[in-house]
Protein backbone atom coordinates (compact mmCIF):
# COMPACT_ATOMS: atom_id res chain seq x y z
CA MET A 1 0.10 0.01 0.06
CA SER A 2 1.22 3.49 -0.73
CA SER A 3 2.55 5.63 1.93
CA ILE A 4 -0.13 8.44 2.62
CA GLU A 5 -0.17 10.76 5.47
CA THR A 6 -2.46 10.16 8.64
CA PRO A 7 -3.71 12.56 11.06
CA TRP A 8 -1.91 10.94 13.66
CA THR A 9 1.57 12.12 12.53
CA LYS A 10 0.49 15.84 13.49
CA MET A 11 -0.72 14.80 16.96
CA ALA A 12 1.35 14.90 20.26
CA LEU A 13 1.28 12.78 22.97
CA PRO A 14 -1.28 13.98 25.80
CA LYS A 15 0.73 16.22 28.27
CA THR A 16 -2.48 15.62 30.67
CA GLY A 17 -4.80 12.96 30.80
CA VAL A 18 -4.68 10.01 28.80
CA LEU A 19 -5.85 10.84 25.04
CA THR A 20 -5.10 13.54 22.59
CA THR A 21 -7.81 14.08 20.43
CA LEU A 22 -8.46 15.59 17.03
CA ARG A 23 -12.40 15.87 15.81
CA LEU A 24 -12.74 14.15 12.24
CA GLY A 25 -13.51 17.01 9.76
CA LEU A 26 -16.88 14.98 8.52
CA GLU A 27 -20.40 15.98 8.76
CA SER A 28 -21.87 13.66 11.30
CA THR A 29 -24.43 13.39 14.16
CA ASN A 30 -21.80 11.27 15.85
CA ALA A 31 -18.70 12.63 17.35
CA TRP A 32 -15.56 10.81 15.97
CA TYR A 33 -11.96 11.40 16.85
CA TRP A 34 -8.51 10.74 15.92
CA ILE A 35 -6.85 9.88 19.17
CA ARG A 36 -3.16 9.46 20.40
CA CYS A 37 -2.73 7.77 23.78
CA LYS A 38 0.12 8.55 26.27
CA ASP A 39 1.99 5.15 25.64
CA GLY A 40 1.98 6.26 21.97
CA GLN A 41 -0.81 4.24 20.64
CA PHE A 42 -3.10 5.97 18.18
CA GLY A 43 -6.31 5.37 16.26
CA VAL A 44 -9.97 6.42 16.48
CA ALA A 45 -12.60 6.97 19.03
CA ILE A 46 -16.34 7.79 19.20
CA GLN A 47 -17.81 9.92 22.11
CA LEU A 48 -20.79 7.98 23.72
CA PRO A 49 -22.67 9.05 26.98
CA ALA A 50 -21.03 7.49 30.02
CA GLY A 51 -23.96 5.56 30.49
CA ASP A 52 -23.40 3.38 27.46
CA ALA A 53 -19.90 2.30 28.95
CA ASP A 54 -21.25 -0.98 30.19
CA SER A 55 -22.61 -2.12 26.44
CA THR A 56 -18.82 -1.89 25.46
CA GLU A 57 -17.38 -3.91 27.90
CA SER A 58 -17.56 -7.23 25.75
CA ILE A 59 -15.31 -5.74 23.10
CA ARG A 60 -11.78 -7.04 23.87
CA GLY A 61 -8.49 -6.40 22.47
CA THR A 62 -5.54 -8.41 21.01
CA SER A 63 -1.72 -7.98 21.12
CA LYS A 64 -1.85 -5.98 18.00
CA LEU A 65 -5.22 -4.17 18.10
CA ASN A 66 -6.41 -2.61 21.64
CA ILE A 67 -9.68 -1.32 22.94
CA VAL A 68 -9.61 2.12 24.67
CA ARG A 69 -12.30 3.24 27.23
CA VAL A 70 -12.02 6.66 28.96
CA ASN A 71 -14.37 8.74 30.96
CA ASP A 72 -13.60 12.55 31.14
CA SER A 73 -14.61 15.08 33.37
CA ASN A 74 -17.73 15.99 31.64
CA GLY A 75 -19.03 12.70 32.04
CA GLU A 76 -18.48 11.75 28.47
CA HIS A 77 -17.40 8.19 27.46
CA TYR A 78 -14.66 7.40 24.74
CA LEU A 79 -14.66 4.20 23.08
CA GLY A 80 -11.68 3.87 20.84
CA VAL A 81 -9.66 1.19 18.55
CA VAL A 82 -5.91 1.74 18.73
CA ILE A 83 -2.84 0.16 17.37
CA GLY A 84 0.85 0.83 18.22
CA SER A 85 2.65 -0.39 14.99
CA SER A 86 3.73 2.56 12.90
CA GLU A 87 4.14 -0.04 10.01
CA LEU A 88 0.23 -0.65 10.03
CA ALA A 89 -0.69 3.11 10.32
CA THR A 90 -1.75 3.63 6.56
CA VAL A 91 -3.93 0.45 6.21
CA PHE A 92 -5.44 1.04 9.65
CA TYR A 93 -6.33 4.78 8.62
CA ARG A 94 -8.14 3.42 5.67
CA LEU A 95 -9.91 0.88 7.98
CA CYS A 96 -10.98 3.57 10.52
CA LEU A 97 -12.39 5.54 7.82
CA ASP A 98 -14.24 2.82 6.62
CA LEU A 99 -15.65 2.12 10.26
CA VAL A 100 -16.68 5.86 10.49
CA SER A 101 -18.57 5.55 7.28
CA ALA A 102 -20.37 2.68 7.97
CA CYS A 103 -21.53 4.12 11.20
CA GLN A 104 -23.10 7.32 9.65
CA CYS A 105 -26.28 5.79 9.31
CA SER A 106 -26.57 4.48 12.75
CA THR A 107 -29.10 6.43 15.00
CA SER A 108 -28.15 4.79 18.18
CA SER A 109 -25.10 4.39 20.38
CA ASN A 110 -26.16 0.52 20.40
CA GLN A 111 -26.01 0.36 16.71
CA ILE A 112 -22.39 1.83 16.69
CA VAL A 113 -21.26 -0.17 19.03
CA ALA A 114 -22.61 -3.32 17.50
CA ILE A 115 -21.12 -2.40 14.29
CA LEU A 116 -17.60 -1.45 16.02
CA LYS A 117 -17.68 -4.81 17.76
CA ARG A 118 -18.09 -6.62 14.48
CA ARG A 119 -15.51 -4.58 12.75
CA VAL A 120 -12.72 -5.06 15.70
CA ILE A 121 -13.38 -8.97 15.23
CA ALA A 122 -12.74 -8.71 11.60
CA TRP A 123 -9.77 -6.51 12.03
CA GLN A 124 -8.01 -8.78 14.66
CA ARG A 125 -8.55 -11.67 12.43
CA LEU A 126 -6.64 -9.58 9.73
CA PHE A 127 -3.81 -8.40 11.66
CA GLU A 128 -3.27 -11.52 13.70
CA LYS A 129 -2.82 -13.69 10.46
CA GLY A 130 -0.75 -10.93 8.93
CA ARG A 131 -1.93 -9.37 5.82
CA GLN A 132 -0.95 -10.65 2.31
CA LYS A 133 -2.51 -8.91 -0.82
CA LEU A 134 -4.91 -10.68 -3.18
CA THR A 135 -3.33 -12.48 -6.04
CA PRO A 136 -4.58 -11.64 -9.48
CA GLU A 137 -6.48 -15.00 -9.71
CA GLU A 138 -7.80 -14.04 -6.01
CA CYS A 139 -8.89 -10.38 -7.41
CA LEU A 140 -10.72 -11.93 -10.55
CA GLY A 141 -12.52 -14.27 -8.27
CA LEU A 142 -13.76 -11.32 -5.98
CA ILE A 143 -14.81 -9.37 -8.72
CA SER A 144 -16.74 -12.33 -10.06
CA GLU A 145 -18.71 -12.64 -6.73
CA LEU A 146 -19.33 -8.84 -6.53
CA LYS A 147 -20.66 -9.11 -10.33
CA PHE A 148 -23.14 -11.67 -9.29
CA LEU A 149 -23.96 -9.82 -6.08
CA ARG A 150 -25.00 -6.54 -7.74
CA GLU A 151 -26.35 -7.82 -10.84
CA TYR A 152 -28.33 -10.90 -9.95
CA TRP A 153 -28.49 -11.57 -6.10
CA VAL A 154 -29.51 -8.18 -5.03
CA PRO A 155 -31.67 -7.03 -7.61
CA LYS A 156 -33.43 -10.22 -9.06
CA VAL A 157 -32.92 -13.04 -6.45
CA SER A 158 -33.06 -12.61 -2.78
CA THR A 159 -34.29 -10.13 -0.41
CA ASN A 160 -31.50 -10.80 2.24
CA GLY A 161 -29.21 -8.31 0.14
CA VAL A 162 -25.53 -8.71 0.84
CA LEU A 163 -26.55 -10.97 3.99
CA GLY A 164 -26.63 -13.78 1.37
CA TRP A 165 -23.01 -13.43 0.54
CA GLN A 166 -21.80 -16.08 2.83
CA GLY A 167 -18.17 -17.20 1.00
CA PRO A 168 -16.13 -14.88 2.71
CA MET A 169 -17.48 -16.03 6.21
CA GLY A 170 -16.27 -19.62 5.43
CA ALA A 171 -19.49 -20.82 4.25
CA PRO A 172 -19.83 -24.04 1.63
CA GLN A 173 -21.36 -21.94 -1.18
CA ASP A 174 -20.68 -18.24 -1.92
CA PHE A 175 -24.34 -17.23 -1.80
CA CYS A 176 -27.06 -18.87 0.29
CA ASP A 177 -30.79 -17.77 0.88
CA GLU A 178 -32.69 -20.55 3.02
CA SER A 179 -36.16 -18.79 2.62
CA ILE A 180 -35.82 -19.55 -0.97
CA ASP A 181 -33.92 -23.05 -0.69
CA LEU A 182 -31.36 -21.87 -3.00
CA SER A 183 -27.18 -22.14 -3.06
CA VAL A 184 -25.08 -20.70 -5.63
CA GLU A 185 -21.63 -21.28 -6.08
CA ILE A 186 -19.31 -18.65 -8.14
CA LYS A 187 -16.31 -19.51 -10.02
CA SER A 188 -14.18 -17.70 -12.63
CA TYR A 189 -12.11 -19.58 -15.41
CA ALA A 190 -9.86 -18.10 -18.26
CA PHE A 191 -11.63 -16.98 -21.52
CA ASP A 192 -9.18 -19.65 -23.39
CA SER A 193 -10.12 -22.64 -20.95
CA SER A 194 -12.95 -24.71 -19.96
CA ILE A 195 -11.59 -25.46 -16.62
CA VAL A 196 -13.23 -24.57 -13.16
CA LYS A 197 -11.36 -25.69 -9.96
CA ILE A 198 -13.37 -26.88 -7.09
CA SER A 199 -11.57 -26.91 -3.49
CA SER A 200 -13.56 -28.79 -1.41
CA PRO A 201 -16.24 -31.72 -1.37
CA GLU A 202 -18.74 -29.04 0.33
CA GLN A 203 -18.87 -26.49 -2.54
CA LEU A 204 -21.01 -28.75 -4.70
CA CYS A 205 -23.20 -30.15 -1.95
CA ALA A 206 -25.89 -28.37 -0.45
CA LYS A 207 -29.65 -29.19 0.73
CA GLY A 208 -32.27 -27.71 -1.53
CA ARG A 209 -31.36 -26.04 -5.19
CA LEU A 210 -27.60 -25.48 -5.89
CA PHE A 211 -26.19 -23.84 -9.11
CA LEU A 212 -22.77 -23.35 -10.19
CA THR A 213 -22.23 -19.88 -11.83
CA VAL A 214 -19.13 -19.44 -13.71
CA TYR A 215 -17.69 -16.10 -15.13
CA PRO A 216 -14.98 -16.15 -17.92
CA GLY A 217 -12.44 -13.58 -17.43
CA ALA A 218 -8.71 -12.37 -17.55
CA ILE A 219 -6.29 -9.61 -16.85
CA SER A 220 -6.61 -6.92 -19.48
CA SER A 221 -3.55 -6.32 -21.47
CA TYR A 222 -4.47 -3.07 -22.72
CA GLY A 223 -5.89 -1.28 -19.63
CA ASN A 224 -9.35 -1.93 -20.67
CA GLY A 225 -11.90 -3.32 -18.16
CA VAL A 226 -12.09 -2.73 -14.47
CA THR A 227 -9.70 -2.60 -11.52
CA LEU A 228 -10.77 -4.16 -8.09
CA ASN A 229 -11.00 -0.90 -6.25
CA GLU A 230 -13.38 0.58 -9.18
CA PHE A 231 -15.46 -2.65 -8.77
CA VAL A 232 -15.78 -2.33 -5.10
CA GLU A 233 -16.87 1.01 -5.01
CA GLU A 234 -19.42 0.62 -7.81
CA THR A 235 -21.06 -2.11 -5.72
CA ARG A 236 -20.87 -0.42 -2.65
CA ASN A 237 -22.97 2.52 -4.31
CA MET A 238 -25.80 0.08 -5.43
CA ILE A 239 -26.29 -1.66 -2.10
CA SER A 240 -28.63 -0.42 0.45
CA LEU A 241 -27.05 2.22 2.96
CA SER A 242 -27.84 0.02 5.89
CA GLN A 243 -25.96 -2.70 4.43
CA TYR A 244 -22.77 -0.62 4.19
CA ALA A 245 -21.49 -2.14 7.27
CA ILE A 246 -21.84 -5.70 6.73
CA PHE A 247 -20.74 -5.17 3.27
CA ASP A 248 -17.13 -3.73 4.50
CA GLU A 249 -17.13 -6.80 6.92
CA LEU A 250 -17.38 -9.14 4.48
CA LEU A 251 -14.85 -7.43 2.18
CA LEU A 252 -12.35 -7.74 5.00
CA SER A 253 -13.16 -11.39 5.36
CA ALA A 254 -12.41 -11.68 1.92
CA ARG A 255 -8.87 -10.23 2.57
CA TYR A 256 -9.61 -6.86 0.81
CA ILE A 257 -8.52 -3.54 2.07
CA LYS A 258 -8.35 -0.61 -0.36
CA ASP A 259 -4.83 -0.54 -1.77
CA ASP A 260 -3.34 1.50 -4.63
CA CYS A 261 -1.75 -1.85 -6.31
CA TYR A 262 -5.33 -2.89 -7.25
CA ASP A 263 -5.43 0.18 -9.61
CA GLU A 264 -2.51 -1.54 -11.58
CA LEU A 265 -4.42 -4.28 -12.82
CA TYR A 266 -7.49 -4.18 -15.14
CA PHE A 267 -9.94 -7.02 -15.42
CA GLU A 268 -12.39 -8.15 -18.25
CA LEU A 269 -15.25 -10.30 -17.29
CA GLY A 270 -17.57 -12.22 -20.06
CA ASP A 271 -21.41 -13.42 -19.44
CA PRO A 272 -22.10 -16.03 -16.93
CA ARG A 273 -22.76 -19.70 -17.46
CA VAL A 274 -24.99 -21.67 -15.07
CA TYR A 275 -25.29 -25.13 -14.46
CA ARG A 276 -27.83 -27.12 -12.16
CA ILE A 277 -26.00 -29.30 -9.53
CA GLU A 278 -28.22 -31.99 -9.25
CA GLY A 279 -28.38 -35.90 -10.09
CA ASP A 280 -25.54 -37.02 -11.85
CA PHE A 281 -23.72 -34.06 -12.24
CA PRO A 282 -19.94 -35.04 -11.91
CA ARG A 283 -18.68 -34.14 -8.51
CA LEU A 284 -16.98 -35.51 -5.35
CA THR A 285 -18.96 -35.10 -1.98
CA GLY A 286 -18.58 -36.52 1.32
CA ASP A 287 -21.40 -39.15 0.07
CA ASN A 288 -19.20 -40.62 -2.40
CA LEU A 289 -15.58 -40.30 -0.96
CA PRO A 290 -13.87 -42.62 1.17
CA SER A 291 -13.95 -41.89 4.61
CA ALA A 292 -10.11 -41.82 4.80
CA ILE A 293 -9.76 -39.13 1.99
CA ASN A 294 -10.22 -35.74 4.03
CA ARG A 295 -8.94 -33.13 1.76
CA VAL A 296 -10.05 -32.99 -2.10
CA ARG A 297 -9.40 -30.62 -4.85
CA TYR A 298 -10.33 -31.23 -8.54
CA ASP A 299 -11.06 -29.70 -11.66
CA ILE A 300 -14.49 -29.60 -14.00
CA ASP A 301 -14.35 -29.33 -17.55
CA LEU A 302 -17.28 -27.30 -18.71
CA SER A 303 -17.26 -28.82 -22.17
CA LEU A 304 -18.38 -32.11 -20.54
CA VAL A 305 -21.11 -31.09 -18.38
CA ALA A 306 -23.35 -29.19 -21.11
CA ASP A 307 -26.47 -31.38 -20.10
CA TRP A 308 -26.44 -29.54 -16.80
CA GLU A 309 -26.27 -25.78 -18.16
CA CYS A 310 -29.07 -23.68 -17.91
CA SER A 311 -30.44 -20.15 -18.21
CA ILE A 312 -29.64 -17.95 -15.24
CA SER A 313 -33.26 -16.99 -15.15
CA GLU A 314 -34.09 -20.39 -13.63
CA PHE A 315 -33.23 -18.92 -10.19
CA SER A 316 -32.83 -15.41 -10.98
CA GLU A 317 -36.35 -14.42 -11.37
CA ARG A 318 -37.44 -13.44 -7.98
CA VAL A 319 -40.60 -14.99 -6.62
CA VAL A 320 -42.85 -12.22 -4.90
CA GLY A 321 -45.13 -14.17 -2.46
């Protein structure tokens, strides 16, 4: 990630008290502050009524990401998230901006605390595992999922919005809506190939209706197409404001953090092809694998499964009850 100036570089350590604060220059009903602590840690904090302090006790810090709770002399309660590593300052700054943006639509401190709690958990997983940028193949896979999310899942398939995008949270399939008995697995493959990779026996095994939706794609050699950063922002602009926070948390779980390096690669995607996963569709599942085999990855040749190909309209026409 390219280096950018953060607000903490201009903030001195507190001479009195435990925090130095700098109000964020955003129009907001919530009072957010950049903070710097006496021990040198830095981050962002929101000012809440002191009576809300109890609701924040369940949020715990880790070795790299700490939680700050401070009551000042005016009876105001600061709830903050801080780090101590300057190497993480740039990425942490962008994460903080996303957090503040996600809370803009919140009308109560309870909603804000709930968002902050979920976000801190996502950040902890990110920092503790160590951040690695997405490979070009992973970028193409993420764009494919986002393309399906915004062009089909949200407007035509499910009423649960981004909540149905469950792949980043470790679900067997990328999209699921139990209310309509539907699961969809998303894959990408090269324009000049017919091979898609299946990474586990669970991916093509689900209760109810299951479809495999595949997108042909590639890195553009001529700067045509779209970058991952552009695609994420375009998708965010198309979802409900109330689901911004959840969307950002899912992106974090998918290991995406906005980075200038993702502006250097352009991707092109073709129209999706859809397959019904049913009957004798060639697949490996827990039912047809010996118990001694506990890890499976395999390829499917799309040119050999034409009998199961169908129109995306088979599941993308939302049923109105």
